[in-house]
Amino acid sequence: MLVTFTTKAYADITMFGGAALAMLKMMGHSGTVPSAIRAEDVPAALGRLTEAINAGKSSPLPIGKDADEPVVSTAHRALPLINLLTAAAKDGCDVMWK
């Protein structure tokens, strides 16, 4: 499954489902797809996501099931989503995902 995050303030971001759901939960969301965050709630969601990543509450998520494939840190994987949320918070835009 792929999850695409959209907002009027930034380009769309598409992530693998497992990584996207983990980040949604770090933001304090239930992980329901599709769903959205209202513009006034975006700064709080961004804060929870960055706090969880900085606190090390998230473990690296493997790219695939093959043990030989590299592991990408959650901080690196979250960077495009953090940029999207930052732009949405700055411009006062809703964030949606499907």
PDB file of N, CA and C in Angstrom:
ATOM      1  N   MET A   1       0.844  -1.168   0.000  1.00  0.00           N
ATOM      2  CA  MET A   1       0.000   0.000   0.000  1.00  0.00           C
ATOM      3  C   MET A   1       0.889   1.230   0.000  1.00  0.00           C
ATOM      4  N   LEU A   2       0.488   2.239  -0.737  1.00  0.00           N
ATOM      5  CA  LEU A   2       1.150   3.535  -0.749  1.00  0.00           C
ATOM      6  C   LEU A   2       0.207   4.568  -0.165  1.00  0.00           C
ATOM      7  N   VAL A   3       0.762   5.549   0.545  1.00  0.00           N
ATOM      8  CA  VAL A   3      -0.028   6.635   1.117  1.00  0.00           C
ATOM      9  C   VAL A   3       0.532   7.930   0.553  1.00  0.00           C
ATOM     10  N   THR A   4      -0.354   8.775   0.013  1.00  0.00           N
ATOM     11  CA  THR A   4       0.051  10.061  -0.550  1.00  0.00           C
ATOM     12  C   THR A   4      -0.485  11.190   0.324  1.00  0.00           C
ATOM     13  N   PHE A   5       0.427  12.035   0.798  1.00  0.00           N
ATOM     14  CA  PHE A   5       0.086  13.208   1.595  1.00  0.00           C
ATOM     15  C   PHE A   5       0.002  14.410   0.663  1.00  0.00           C
ATOM     16  N   THR A   6      -1.042  15.221   0.838  1.00  0.00           N
ATOM     17  CA  THR A   6      -1.215  16.399  -0.002  1.00  0.00           C
ATOM     18  C   THR A   6      -1.561  17.620   0.843  1.00  0.00           C
ATOM     19  N   THR A   7      -1.163  18.768   0.339  1.00  0.00           N
ATOM     20  CA  THR A   7      -1.519  20.057   0.904  1.00  0.00           C
ATOM     21  C   THR A   7      -1.331  21.082  -0.202  1.00  0.00           C
ATOM     22  N   LYS A   8      -2.011  22.200  -0.102  1.00  0.00           N
ATOM     23  CA  LYS A   8      -1.881  23.244  -1.123  1.00  0.00           C
ATOM     24  C   LYS A   8      -0.538  23.952  -1.043  1.00  0.00           C
ATOM     25  N   ALA A   9       0.155  23.828   0.075  1.00  0.00           N
ATOM     26  CA  ALA A   9       1.389  24.571   0.303  1.00  0.00           C
ATOM     27  C   ALA A   9       2.655  23.842  -0.135  1.00  0.00           C
ATOM     28  N   TYR A  10       2.545  22.583  -0.603  1.00  0.00           N
ATOM     29  CA  TYR A  10       3.749  21.797  -0.868  1.00  0.00           C
ATOM     30  C   TYR A  10       3.424  20.704  -1.882  1.00  0.00           C
ATOM     31  N   ALA A  11       4.448  20.175  -2.504  1.00  0.00           N
ATOM     32  CA  ALA A  11       4.266  19.068  -3.442  1.00  0.00           C
ATOM     33  C   ALA A  11       3.804  17.812  -2.705  1.00  0.00           C
ATOM     34  N   ASP A  12       3.083  16.949  -3.405  1.00  0.00           N
ATOM     35  CA  ASP A  12       2.601  15.702  -2.806  1.00  0.00           C
ATOM     36  C   ASP A  12       3.778  14.818  -2.406  1.00  0.00           C
ATOM     37  N   ILE A  13       3.593  14.062  -1.307  1.00  0.00           N
ATOM     38  CA  ILE A  13       4.592  13.129  -0.805  1.00  0.00           C
ATOM     39  C   ILE A  13       3.943  11.743  -0.780  1.00  0.00           C
ATOM     40  N   THR A  14       4.581  10.754  -1.391  1.00  0.00           N
ATOM     41  CA  THR A  14       4.082   9.381  -1.375  1.00  0.00           C
ATOM     42  C   THR A  14       5.056   8.520  -0.589  1.00  0.00           C
ATOM     43  N   MET A  15       4.509   7.719   0.345  1.00  0.00           N
ATOM     44  CA  MET A  15       5.324   6.857   1.197  1.00  0.00           C
ATOM     45  C   MET A  15       4.748   5.450   1.189  1.00  0.00           C
ATOM     46  N   PHE A  16       5.603   4.485   1.520  1.00  0.00           N
ATOM     47  CA  PHE A  16       5.116   3.127   1.726  1.00  0.00           C
ATOM     48  C   PHE A  16       4.173   3.130   2.924  1.00  0.00           C
ATOM     49  N   GLY A  17       3.151   2.284   2.874  1.00  0.00           N
ATOM     50  CA  GLY A  17       2.101   2.268   3.882  1.00  0.00           C
ATOM     51  C   GLY A  17       2.589   2.093   5.306  1.00  0.00           C
ATOM     52  N   GLY A  18       3.505   1.153   5.536  1.00  0.00           N
ATOM     53  CA  GLY A  18       3.978   0.905   6.893  1.00  0.00           C
ATOM     54  C   GLY A  18       4.655   2.117   7.504  1.00  0.00           C
ATOM     55  N   ALA A  19       5.513   2.769   6.732  1.00  0.00           N
ATOM     56  CA  ALA A  19       6.206   3.963   7.216  1.00  0.00           C
ATOM     57  C   ALA A  19       5.216   5.094   7.439  1.00  0.00           C
ATOM     58  N   ALA A  20       4.291   5.278   6.510  1.00  0.00           N
ATOM     59  CA  ALA A  20       3.303   6.352   6.632  1.00  0.00           C
ATOM     60  C   ALA A  20       2.420   6.151   7.866  1.00  0.00           C
ATOM     61  N   LEU A  21       1.957   4.934   8.095  1.00  0.00           N
ATOM     62  CA  LEU A  21       1.106   4.673   9.256  1.00  0.00           C
ATOM     63  C   LEU A  21       1.870   4.893  10.556  1.00  0.00           C
ATOM     64  N   ALA A  22       3.140   4.497  10.584  1.00  0.00           N
ATOM     65  CA  ALA A  22       3.950   4.719  11.784  1.00  0.00           C
ATOM     66  C   ALA A  22       4.088   6.211  12.061  1.00  0.00           C
ATOM     67  N   MET A  23       4.302   7.001  11.028  1.00  0.00           N
ATOM     68  CA  MET A  23       4.452   8.448  11.216  1.00  0.00           C
ATOM     69  C   MET A  23       3.137   9.105  11.593  1.00  0.00           C
ATOM     70  N   LEU A  24       2.032   8.623  11.028  1.00  0.00           N
ATOM     71  CA  LEU A  24       0.724   9.147  11.426  1.00  0.00           C
ATOM     72  C   LEU A  24       0.485   8.917  12.915  1.00  0.00           C
ATOM     73  N   LYS A  25       0.855   7.749  13.397  1.00  0.00           N
ATOM     74  CA  LYS A  25       0.688   7.453  14.821  1.00  0.00           C
ATOM     75  C   LYS A  25       1.612   8.312  15.673  1.00  0.00           C
ATOM     76  N   MET A  26       2.829   8.588  15.188  1.00  0.00           N
ATOM     77  CA  MET A  26       3.726   9.493  15.911  1.00  0.00           C
ATOM     78  C   MET A  26       3.135  10.899  16.001  1.00  0.00           C
ATOM     79  N   MET A  27       2.344  11.274  14.986  1.00  0.00           N
ATOM     80  CA  MET A  27       1.697  12.594  14.984  1.00  0.00           C
ATOM     81  C   MET A  27       0.471  12.633  15.891  1.00  0.00           C
ATOM     82  N   GLY A  28       0.112  11.485  16.448  1.00  0.00           N
ATOM     83  CA  GLY A  28      -1.055  11.436  17.322  1.00  0.00           C
ATOM     84  C   GLY A  28      -2.345  11.110  16.596  1.00  0.00           C
ATOM     85  N   HIS A  29      -2.240  10.665  15.360  1.00  0.00           N
ATOM     86  CA  HIS A  29      -3.428  10.314  14.579  1.00  0.00           C
ATOM     87  C   HIS A  29      -3.667   8.812  14.688  1.00  0.00           C
ATOM     88  N   SER A  30      -4.881   8.400  14.425  1.00  0.00           N
ATOM     89  CA  SER A  30      -5.242   6.987  14.543  1.00  0.00           C
ATOM     90  C   SER A  30      -4.616   6.116  13.468  1.00  0.00           C
ATOM     91  N   GLY A  31      -4.207   6.714  12.359  1.00  0.00           N
ATOM     92  CA  GLY A  31      -3.650   5.936  11.262  1.00  0.00           C
ATOM     93  C   GLY A  31      -4.673   5.586  10.206  1.00  0.00           C
ATOM     94  N   THR A  32      -5.846   6.173  10.286  1.00  0.00           N
ATOM     95  CA  THR A  32      -6.894   5.931   9.301  1.00  0.00           C
ATOM     96  C   THR A  32      -6.494   6.523   7.954  1.00  0.00           C
ATOM     97  N   VAL A  33      -6.694   5.735   6.902  1.00  0.00           N
ATOM     98  CA  VAL A  33      -6.427   6.189   5.536  1.00  0.00           C
ATOM     99  C   VAL A  33      -7.670   5.936   4.721  1.00  0.00           C
ATOM    100  N   PRO A  34      -8.228   6.931   4.063  1.00  0.00           N
ATOM    101  CA  PRO A  34      -7.844   8.328   3.960  1.00  0.00           C
ATOM    102  C   PRO A  34      -8.314   9.137   5.172  1.00  0.00           C
ATOM    103  N   SER A  35      -7.670  10.274   5.355  1.00  0.00           N
ATOM    104  CA  SER A  35      -8.061  11.179   6.433  1.00  0.00           C
ATOM    105  C   SER A  35      -7.365  12.515   6.220  1.00  0.00           C
ATOM    106  N   ALA A  36      -7.435  13.380   7.233  1.00  0.00           N
ATOM    107  CA  ALA A  36      -6.866  14.720   7.098  1.00  0.00           C
ATOM    108  C   ALA A  36      -6.595  15.331   8.466  1.00  0.00           C
ATOM    109  N   ILE A  37      -5.788  16.377   8.448  1.00  0.00           N
ATOM    110  CA  ILE A  37      -5.549  17.199   9.635  1.00  0.00           C
ATOM    111  C   ILE A  37      -5.930  18.617   9.255  1.00  0.00           C
ATOM    112  N   ARG A  38      -6.770  19.244  10.060  1.00  0.00           N
ATOM    113  CA  ARG A  38      -7.161  20.631   9.802  1.00  0.00           C
ATOM    114  C   ARG A  38      -5.966  21.547  10.000  1.00  0.00           C
ATOM    115  N   ALA A  39      -5.978  22.658   9.313  1.00  0.00           N
ATOM    116  CA  ALA A  39      -4.854  23.605   9.330  1.00  0.00           C
ATOM    117  C   ALA A  39      -4.449  24.000  10.745  1.00  0.00           C
ATOM    118  N   GLU A  40      -5.420  24.221  11.618  1.00  0.00           N
ATOM    119  CA  GLU A  40      -5.095  24.654  12.987  1.00  0.00           C
ATOM    120  C   GLU A  40      -4.458  23.545  13.822  1.00  0.00           C
ATOM    121  N   ASP A  41      -4.571  22.296  13.385  1.00  0.00           N
ATOM    122  CA  ASP A  41      -3.988  21.164  14.112  1.00  0.00           C
ATOM    123  C   ASP A  41      -2.633  20.713  13.551  1.00  0.00           C
ATOM    124  N   VAL A  42      -2.241  21.257  12.407  1.00  0.00           N
ATOM    125  CA  VAL A  42      -0.988  20.853  11.770  1.00  0.00           C
ATOM    126  C   VAL A  42       0.234  21.157  12.637  1.00  0.00           C
ATOM    127  N   PRO A  43       0.358  22.366  13.240  1.00  0.00           N
ATOM    128  CA  PRO A  43       1.553  22.614  14.058  1.00  0.00           C
ATOM    129  C   PRO A  43       1.724  21.616  15.212  1.00  0.00           C
ATOM    130  N   ALA A  44       0.646  21.243  15.850  1.00  0.00           N
ATOM    131  CA  ALA A  44       0.724  20.273  16.949  1.00  0.00           C
ATOM    132  C   ALA A  44       1.151  18.902  16.429  1.00  0.00           C
ATOM    133  N   ALA A  45       0.611  18.486  15.287  1.00  0.00           N
ATOM    134  CA  ALA A  45       0.988  17.197  14.693  1.00  0.00           C
ATOM    135  C   ALA A  45       2.461  17.203  14.300  1.00  0.00           C
ATOM    136  N   LEU A  46       2.928  18.296  13.728  1.00  0.00           N
ATOM    137  CA  LEU A  46       4.337  18.433  13.369  1.00  0.00           C
ATOM    138  C   LEU A  46       5.214  18.356  14.613  1.00  0.00           C
ATOM    139  N   GLY A  47       4.801  19.019  15.668  1.00  0.00           N
ATOM    140  CA  GLY A  47       5.551  18.985  16.917  1.00  0.00           C
ATOM    141  C   GLY A  47       5.651  17.590  17.501  1.00  0.00           C
ATOM    142  N   ARG A  48       4.534  16.846  17.474  1.00  0.00           N
ATOM    143  CA  ARG A  48       4.549  15.472  18.002  1.00  0.00           C
ATOM    144  C   ARG A  48       5.444  14.566  17.166  1.00  0.00           C
ATOM    145  N   LEU A  49       5.405  14.735  15.843  1.00  0.00           N
ATOM    146  CA  LEU A  49       6.236  13.910  14.959  1.00  0.00           C
ATOM    147  C   LEU A  49       7.713  14.187  15.209  1.00  0.00           C
ATOM    148  N   THR A  50       8.114  15.435  15.216  1.00  0.00           N
ATOM    149  CA  THR A  50       9.526  15.759  15.422  1.00  0.00           C
ATOM    150  C   THR A  50       9.979  15.380  16.828  1.00  0.00           C
ATOM    151  N   GLU A  51       9.112  15.533  17.794  1.00  0.00           N
ATOM    152  CA  GLU A  51       9.441  15.140  19.169  1.00  0.00           C
ATOM    153  C   GLU A  51       9.683  13.635  19.263  1.00  0.00           C
ATOM    154  N   ALA A  52       8.818  12.848  18.642  1.00  0.00           N
ATOM    155  CA  ALA A  52       8.964  11.390  18.670  1.00  0.00           C
ATOM    156  C   ALA A  52      10.250  10.958  17.978  1.00  0.00           C
ATOM    157  N   ILE A  53      10.567  11.594  16.873  1.00  0.00           N
ATOM    158  CA  ILE A  53      11.790  11.243  16.146  1.00  0.00           C
ATOM    159  C   ILE A  53      13.019  11.646  16.961  1.00  0.00           C
ATOM    160  N   ASN A  54      13.012  12.855  17.521  1.00  0.00           N
ATOM    161  CA  ASN A  54      14.152  13.331  18.313  1.00  0.00           C
ATOM    162  C   ASN A  54      14.338  12.536  19.597  1.00  0.00           C
ATOM    163  N   ALA A  55      13.247  12.019  20.151  1.00  0.00           N
ATOM    164  CA  ALA A  55      13.325  11.239  21.379  1.00  0.00           C
ATOM    165  C   ALA A  55      13.769   9.796  21.113  1.00  0.00           C
ATOM    166  N   GLY A  56      13.844   9.440  19.845  1.00  0.00           N
ATOM    167  CA  GLY A  56      14.279   8.095  19.499  1.00  0.00           C
ATOM    168  C   GLY A  56      13.223   7.040  19.753  1.00  0.00           C
ATOM    169  N   LYS A  57      11.949   7.447  19.787  1.00  0.00           N
ATOM    170  CA  LYS A  57      10.860   6.498  20.021  1.00  0.00           C
ATOM    171  C   LYS A  57      10.561   5.658  18.793  1.00  0.00           C
ATOM    172  N   SER A  58      11.187   6.003  17.694  1.00  0.00           N
ATOM    173  CA  SER A  58      10.907   5.277  16.461  1.00  0.00           C
ATOM    174  C   SER A  58      12.134   4.477  16.058  1.00  0.00           C
ATOM    175  N   SER A  59      11.917   3.267  15.653  1.00  0.00           N
ATOM    176  CA  SER A  59      13.026   2.430  15.206  1.00  0.00           C
ATOM    177  C   SER A  59      13.149   2.555  13.694  1.00  0.00           C
ATOM    178  N   PRO A  60      14.326   2.270  13.138  1.00  0.00           N
ATOM    179  CA  PRO A  60      14.479   2.330  11.678  1.00  0.00           C
ATOM    180  C   PRO A  60      13.512   1.367  10.996  1.00  0.00           C
ATOM    181  N   LEU A  61      13.002   1.797   9.875  1.00  0.00           N
ATOM    182  CA  LEU A  61      12.058   0.984   9.119  1.00  0.00           C
ATOM    183  C   LEU A  61      12.767   0.419   7.897  1.00  0.00           C
ATOM    184  N   PRO A  62      12.767  -0.903   7.701  1.00  0.00           N
ATOM    185  CA  PRO A  62      13.446  -1.478   6.538  1.00  0.00           C
ATOM    186  C   PRO A  62      12.756  -1.078   5.244  1.00  0.00           C
ATOM    187  N   ILE A  63      13.547  -0.966   4.189  1.00  0.00           N
ATOM    188  CA  ILE A  63      12.985  -0.629   2.882  1.00  0.00           C
ATOM    189  C   ILE A  63      12.144  -1.783   2.359  1.00  0.00           C
ATOM    190  N   GLY A  64      12.643  -2.980   2.494  1.00  0.00           N
ATOM    191  CA  GLY A  64      11.933  -4.149   1.986  1.00  0.00           C
ATOM    192  C   GLY A  64      12.086  -5.320   2.930  1.00  0.00           C
ATOM    193  N   LYS A  65      11.652  -6.473   2.490  1.00  0.00           N
ATOM    194  CA  LYS A  65      11.696  -7.667   3.339  1.00  0.00           C
ATOM    195  C   LYS A  65      13.031  -8.393   3.249  1.00  0.00           C
ATOM    196  N   ASP A  66      13.825  -8.072   2.242  1.00  0.00           N
ATOM    197  CA  ASP A  66      15.103  -8.739   2.050  1.00  0.00           C
ATOM    198  C   ASP A  66      16.114  -8.232   3.073  1.00  0.00           C
ATOM    199  N   ALA A  67      16.768  -9.143   3.775  1.00  0.00           N
ATOM    200  CA  ALA A  67      17.718  -8.774   4.829  1.00  0.00           C
ATOM    201  C   ALA A  67      18.934  -8.041   4.270  1.00  0.00           C
ATOM    202  N   ASP A  68      19.214  -8.191   2.984  1.00  0.00           N
ATOM    203  CA  ASP A  68      20.367  -7.534   2.382  1.00  0.00           C
ATOM    204  C   ASP A  68      20.098  -6.078   2.013  1.00  0.00           C
ATOM    205  N   GLU A  69      18.838  -5.660   2.047  1.00  0.00           N
ATOM    206  CA  GLU A  69      18.514  -4.286   1.693  1.00  0.00           C
ATOM    207  C   GLU A  69      18.864  -3.348   2.845  1.00  0.00           C
ATOM    208  N   PRO A  70      19.264  -2.133   2.515  1.00  0.00           N
ATOM    209  CA  PRO A  70      19.668  -1.190   3.567  1.00  0.00           C
ATOM    210  C   PRO A  70      18.481  -0.746   4.421  1.00  0.00           C
ATOM    211  N   VAL A  71      18.816  -0.309   5.622  1.00  0.00           N
ATOM    212  CA  VAL A  71      17.804   0.221   6.535  1.00  0.00           C
ATOM    213  C   VAL A  71      17.887   1.738   6.484  1.00  0.00           C
ATOM    214  N   VAL A  72      16.748   2.380   6.354  1.00  0.00           N
ATOM    215  CA  VAL A  72      16.677   3.837   6.303  1.00  0.00           C
ATOM    216  C   VAL A  72      16.144   4.316   7.638  1.00  0.00           C
ATOM    217  N   SER A  73      16.837   5.272   8.248  1.00  0.00           N
ATOM    218  CA  SER A  73      16.385   5.774   9.550  1.00  0.00           C
ATOM    219  C   SER A  73      15.039   6.465   9.398  1.00  0.00           C
ATOM    220  N   THR A  74      14.267   6.430  10.457  1.00  0.00           N
ATOM    221  CA  THR A  74      12.963   7.076  10.443  1.00  0.00           C
ATOM    222  C   THR A  74      13.118   8.579  10.267  1.00  0.00           C
ATOM    223  N   ALA A  75      14.167   9.162  10.828  1.00  0.00           N
ATOM    224  CA  ALA A  75      14.399  10.597  10.675  1.00  0.00           C
ATOM    225  C   ALA A  75      14.588  10.968   9.201  1.00  0.00           C
ATOM    226  N   HIS A  76      15.347  10.148   8.464  1.00  0.00           N
ATOM    227  CA  HIS A  76      15.541  10.421   7.037  1.00  0.00           C
ATOM    228  C   HIS A  76      14.251  10.194   6.258  1.00  0.00           C
ATOM    229  N   ARG A  77      13.558   9.144   6.607  1.00  0.00           N
ATOM    230  CA  ARG A  77      12.319   8.830   5.905  1.00  0.00           C
ATOM    231  C   ARG A  77      11.240   9.886   6.173  1.00  0.00           C
ATOM    232  N   ALA A  78      11.266  10.490   7.352  1.00  0.00           N
ATOM    233  CA  ALA A  78      10.249  11.476   7.735  1.00  0.00           C
ATOM    234  C   ALA A  78      10.517  12.867   7.181  1.00  0.00           C
ATOM    235  N   LEU A  79      11.732  13.135   6.719  1.00  0.00           N
ATOM    236  CA  LEU A  79      12.093  14.486   6.296  1.00  0.00           C
ATOM    237  C   LEU A  79      11.140  15.094   5.261  1.00  0.00           C
ATOM    238  N   PRO A  80      10.756  14.387   4.187  1.00  0.00           N
ATOM    239  CA  PRO A  80       9.805  14.992   3.244  1.00  0.00           C
ATOM    240  C   PRO A  80       8.463  15.323   3.900  1.00  0.00           C
ATOM    241  N   LEU A  81       7.989  14.463   4.788  1.00  0.00           N
ATOM    242  CA  LEU A  81       6.724  14.722   5.477  1.00  0.00           C
ATOM    243  C   LEU A  81       6.864  15.909   6.427  1.00  0.00           C
ATOM    244  N   ILE A  82       7.994  16.013   7.109  1.00  0.00           N
ATOM    245  CA  ILE A  82       8.234  17.158   7.985  1.00  0.00           C
ATOM    246  C   ILE A  82       8.243  18.449   7.169  1.00  0.00           C
ATOM    247  N   ASN A  83       8.871  18.424   6.008  1.00  0.00           N
ATOM    248  CA  ASN A  83       8.878  19.608   5.139  1.00  0.00           C
ATOM    249  C   ASN A  83       7.466  19.970   4.687  1.00  0.00           C
ATOM    250  N   LEU A  84       6.671  18.961   4.340  1.00  0.00           N
ATOM    251  CA  LEU A  84       5.288  19.200   3.934  1.00  0.00           C
ATOM    252  C   LEU A  84       4.494  19.811   5.078  1.00  0.00           C
ATOM    253  N   LEU A  85       4.615  19.244   6.274  1.00  0.00           N
ATOM    254  CA  LEU A  85       3.881  19.762   7.431  1.00  0.00           C
ATOM    255  C   LEU A  85       4.332  21.172   7.799  1.00  0.00           C
ATOM    256  N   THR A  86       5.621  21.442   7.683  1.00  0.00           N
ATOM    257  CA  THR A  86       6.141  22.779   7.973  1.00  0.00           C
ATOM    258  C   THR A  86       5.565  23.805   7.008  1.00  0.00           C
ATOM    259  N   ALA A  87       5.524  23.473   5.723  1.00  0.00           N
ATOM    260  CA  ALA A  87       4.950  24.377   4.726  1.00  0.00           C
ATOM    261  C   ALA A  87       3.459  24.584   4.958  1.00  0.00           C
ATOM    262  N   ALA A  88       2.754  23.516   5.305  1.00  0.00           N
ATOM    263  CA  ALA A  88       1.319  23.623   5.572  1.00  0.00           C
ATOM    264  C   ALA A  88       1.051  24.489   6.800  1.00  0.00           C
ATOM    265  N   ALA A  89       1.872  24.334   7.841  1.00  0.00           N
ATOM    266  CA  ALA A  89       1.701  25.145   9.046  1.00  0.00           C
ATOM    267  C   ALA A  89       1.981  26.611   8.742  1.00  0.00           C
ATOM    268  N   LYS A  90       3.013  26.866   7.963  1.00  0.00           N
ATOM    269  CA  LYS A  90       3.386  28.244   7.620  1.00  0.00           C
ATOM    270  C   LYS A  90       2.282  28.935   6.826  1.00  0.00           C
ATOM    271  N   ASP A  91       1.680  28.210   5.876  1.00  0.00           N
ATOM    272  CA  ASP A  91       0.648  28.794   5.018  1.00  0.00           C
ATOM    273  C   ASP A  91      -0.772  28.595   5.542  1.00  0.00           C
ATOM    274  N   GLY A  92      -0.919  27.903   6.658  1.00  0.00           N
ATOM    275  CA  GLY A  92      -2.257  27.675   7.222  1.00  0.00           C
ATOM    276  C   GLY A  92      -3.131  26.786   6.368  1.00  0.00           C
ATOM    277  N   CYS A  93      -2.555  25.700   5.855  1.00  0.00           N
ATOM    278  CA  CYS A  93      -3.287  24.783   4.963  1.00  0.00           C
ATOM    279  C   CYS A  93      -3.567  23.453   5.657  1.00  0.00           C
ATOM    280  N   ASP A  94      -4.661  22.826   5.250  1.00  0.00           N
ATOM    281  CA  ASP A  94      -4.986  21.471   5.703  1.00  0.00           C
ATOM    282  C   ASP A  94      -4.011  20.484   5.074  1.00  0.00           C
ATOM    283  N   VAL A  95      -3.861  19.314   5.711  1.00  0.00           N
ATOM    284  CA  VAL A  95      -3.069  18.215   5.150  1.00  0.00           C
ATOM    285  C   VAL A  95      -3.983  17.005   5.031  1.00  0.00           C
ATOM    286  N   MET A  96      -3.997  16.407   3.852  1.00  0.00           N
ATOM    287  CA  MET A  96      -4.817  15.233   3.605  1.00  0.00           C
ATOM    288  C   MET A  96      -3.941  14.081   3.149  1.00  0.00           C
ATOM    289  N   TRP A  97      -4.436  12.863   3.327  1.00  0.00           N
ATOM    290  CA  TRP A  97      -3.714  11.692   2.814  1.00  0.00           C
ATOM    291  C   TRP A  97      -4.717  10.650   2.380  1.00  0.00           C
ATOM    292  N   LYS A  98      -4.279   9.892   1.359  1.00  0.00           N
ATOM    293  CA  LYS A  98      -5.118   8.823   0.802  1.00  0.00           C
ATOM    294  C   LYS A  98      -4.263   7.669   0.375  1.00  0.00           C
TER     295      LYS A  98
END
